[in-house]
Amino acid sequence: MRWWRRRRPVNPEPPRGVILLYRGRAITCSVFRDESLDRWGTTAWVAMPDEPVVIPEGEEYRVRADDLPVGCELITDFTAPRDVSADW
């Protein structure tokens, strides 16, 4: 006997009004869909700043969204790689 499970529907609506807060600046972000990061019942969206920004490892930043629909995950990673030169 084989059991068939239906995946819970995921919400394809993107988060709106995503902003990166870093060192007193508010930088707007665009969101992009990444299906490879989806989990059961959630839709993954990756936030990318609209202007170049590099955040050194260990520094804190915040990301907020005006509207984060149910079933969405907002993924962020703005940290610089460890082997980046200081003038990067």
C-alpha atoms as a PDB file:
ATOM      1  CA  MET A   1       0.000   0.000   0.000  1.00  0.00           C
ATOM      2  CA  ARG A   2       1.263   3.433  -0.843  1.00  0.00           C
ATOM      3  CA  TRP A   3       0.355   6.619   0.947  1.00  0.00           C
ATOM      4  CA  TRP A   4       0.134   9.786  -1.084  1.00  0.00           C
ATOM      5  CA  ARG A   5       0.452  13.051   0.692  1.00  0.00           C
ATOM      6  CA  ARG A   6      -0.553  16.308  -0.839  1.00  0.00           C
ATOM      7  CA  ARG A   7       1.858  19.126  -0.172  1.00  0.00           C
ATOM      8  CA  ARG A   8       0.359  21.985   1.690  1.00  0.00           C
ATOM      9  CA  PRO A   9      -0.077  24.918  -0.669  1.00  0.00           C
ATOM     10  CA  VAL A  10       2.557  27.607  -0.340  1.00  0.00           C
ATOM     11  CA  ASN A  11       1.886  31.291  -0.676  1.00  0.00           C
ATOM     12  CA  PRO A  12       3.703  32.654  -3.736  1.00  0.00           C
ATOM     13  CA  GLU A  13       3.103  36.278  -2.720  1.00  0.00           C
ATOM     14  CA  PRO A  14       6.416  38.073  -2.107  1.00  0.00           C
ATOM     15  CA  PRO A  15       7.124  40.075   1.044  1.00  0.00           C
ATOM     16  CA  ARG A  16       6.611  43.804   0.513  1.00  0.00           C
ATOM     17  CA  GLY A  17       8.479  46.802   1.885  1.00  0.00           C
ATOM     18  CA  VAL A  18      11.686  44.948   2.775  1.00  0.00           C
ATOM     19  CA  ILE A  19      14.311  47.258   4.278  1.00  0.00           C
ATOM     20  CA  LEU A  20      17.853  46.607   5.534  1.00  0.00           C
ATOM     21  CA  LEU A  21      18.700  48.705   8.597  1.00  0.00           C
ATOM     22  CA  TYR A  22      22.463  49.065   8.995  1.00  0.00           C
ATOM     23  CA  ARG A  23      24.569  51.772  10.680  1.00  0.00           C
ATOM     24  CA  GLY A  24      21.672  54.218  10.805  1.00  0.00           C
ATOM     25  CA  ARG A  25      20.789  53.743   7.131  1.00  0.00           C
ATOM     26  CA  ALA A  26      17.602  52.300   5.686  1.00  0.00           C
ATOM     27  CA  ILE A  27      18.373  50.511   2.407  1.00  0.00           C
ATOM     28  CA  THR A  28      15.479  49.162   0.363  1.00  0.00           C
ATOM     29  CA  CYS A  29      15.734  45.555  -0.772  1.00  0.00           C
ATOM     30  CA  SER A  30      14.342  43.585  -3.672  1.00  0.00           C
ATOM     31  CA  VAL A  31      13.190  40.027  -3.052  1.00  0.00           C
ATOM     32  CA  PHE A  32      13.834  37.081  -5.325  1.00  0.00           C
ATOM     33  CA  ARG A  33      12.267  33.642  -5.294  1.00  0.00           C
ATOM     34  CA  ASP A  34      14.506  30.655  -4.522  1.00  0.00           C
ATOM     35  CA  GLU A  35      12.592  27.392  -4.862  1.00  0.00           C
ATOM     36  CA  SER A  36      15.612  25.346  -3.779  1.00  0.00           C
ATOM     37  CA  LEU A  37      15.274  26.787  -0.247  1.00  0.00           C
ATOM     38  CA  ASP A  38      11.546  26.033   0.121  1.00  0.00           C
ATOM     39  CA  ARG A  39      10.515  23.826   2.998  1.00  0.00           C
ATOM     40  CA  TRP A  40       7.283  21.977   3.647  1.00  0.00           C
ATOM     41  CA  GLY A  41       4.512  24.572   3.416  1.00  0.00           C
ATOM     42  CA  THR A  42       6.773  27.618   3.084  1.00  0.00           C
ATOM     43  CA  THR A  43       7.982  29.750   0.217  1.00  0.00           C
ATOM     44  CA  ALA A  44      11.548  31.076   0.379  1.00  0.00           C
ATOM     45  CA  TRP A  45      12.383  34.621  -0.708  1.00  0.00           C
ATOM     46  CA  VAL A  46      15.907  36.054  -0.690  1.00  0.00           C
ATOM     47  CA  ALA A  47      16.380  39.751   0.122  1.00  0.00           C
ATOM     48  CA  MET A  48      19.000  41.646  -1.891  1.00  0.00           C
ATOM     49  CA  PRO A  49      19.815  45.323  -1.188  1.00  0.00           C
ATOM     50  CA  ASP A  50      19.103  47.726  -4.045  1.00  0.00           C
ATOM     51  CA  GLU A  51      22.503  49.382  -3.550  1.00  0.00           C
ATOM     52  CA  PRO A  52      25.886  47.770  -2.892  1.00  0.00           C
ATOM     53  CA  VAL A  53      26.526  47.107   0.787  1.00  0.00           C
ATOM     54  CA  VAL A  54      29.043  44.882   2.524  1.00  0.00           C
ATOM     55  CA  ILE A  55      28.568  44.051   6.167  1.00  0.00           C
ATOM     56  CA  PRO A  56      31.684  42.705   7.904  1.00  0.00           C
ATOM     57  CA  GLU A  57      31.248  39.490   9.834  1.00  0.00           C
ATOM     58  CA  GLY A  58      30.155  40.116  13.396  1.00  0.00           C
ATOM     59  CA  GLU A  59      28.418  43.436  12.732  1.00  0.00           C
ATOM     60  CA  GLU A  60      24.721  43.518  13.397  1.00  0.00           C
ATOM     61  CA  TYR A  61      22.001  44.463  10.966  1.00  0.00           C
ATOM     62  CA  ARG A  62      18.233  44.231  10.915  1.00  0.00           C
ATOM     63  CA  VAL A  63      15.808  43.450   8.141  1.00  0.00           C
ATOM     64  CA  ARG A  64      12.150  44.325   8.300  1.00  0.00           C
ATOM     65  CA  ALA A  65       9.213  43.882   5.981  1.00  0.00           C
ATOM     66  CA  ASP A  66       5.993  45.894   5.888  1.00  0.00           C
ATOM     67  CA  ASP A  67       4.088  42.785   4.815  1.00  0.00           C
ATOM     68  CA  LEU A  68       5.338  39.224   5.281  1.00  0.00           C
ATOM     69  CA  PRO A  69       2.579  36.893   4.004  1.00  0.00           C
ATOM     70  CA  VAL A  70       1.781  33.716   5.903  1.00  0.00           C
ATOM     71  CA  GLY A  71       3.886  30.799   4.677  1.00  0.00           C
ATOM     72  CA  CYS A  72       6.829  32.950   3.551  1.00  0.00           C
ATOM     73  CA  GLU A  73      10.410  32.870   4.745  1.00  0.00           C
ATOM     74  CA  LEU A  74      12.643  35.874   4.197  1.00  0.00           C
ATOM     75  CA  ILE A  75      16.282  34.852   3.867  1.00  0.00           C
ATOM     76  CA  THR A  76      19.110  37.349   4.236  1.00  0.00           C
ATOM     77  CA  ASP A  77      22.876  37.088   4.213  1.00  0.00           C
ATOM     78  CA  PHE A  78      24.713  40.350   3.674  1.00  0.00           C
ATOM     79  CA  THR A  79      27.965  39.404   5.409  1.00  0.00           C
ATOM     80  CA  ALA A  80      31.240  39.644   3.536  1.00  0.00           C
ATOM     81  CA  PRO A  81      33.290  36.501   2.935  1.00  0.00           C
ATOM     82  CA  ARG A  82      36.231  36.021   5.330  1.00  0.00           C
ATOM     83  CA  ASP A  83      38.930  36.315   2.662  1.00  0.00           C
ATOM     84  CA  VAL A  84      37.853  39.726   1.333  1.00  0.00           C
ATOM     85  CA  SER A  85      40.426  42.477   1.264  1.00  0.00           C
ATOM     86  CA  ALA A  86      39.758  45.605   3.322  1.00  0.00           C
ATOM     87  CA  ASP A  87      39.170  47.792   0.252  1.00  0.00           C
ATOM     88  CA  TRP A  88      36.491  45.523  -1.220  1.00  0.00           C
END
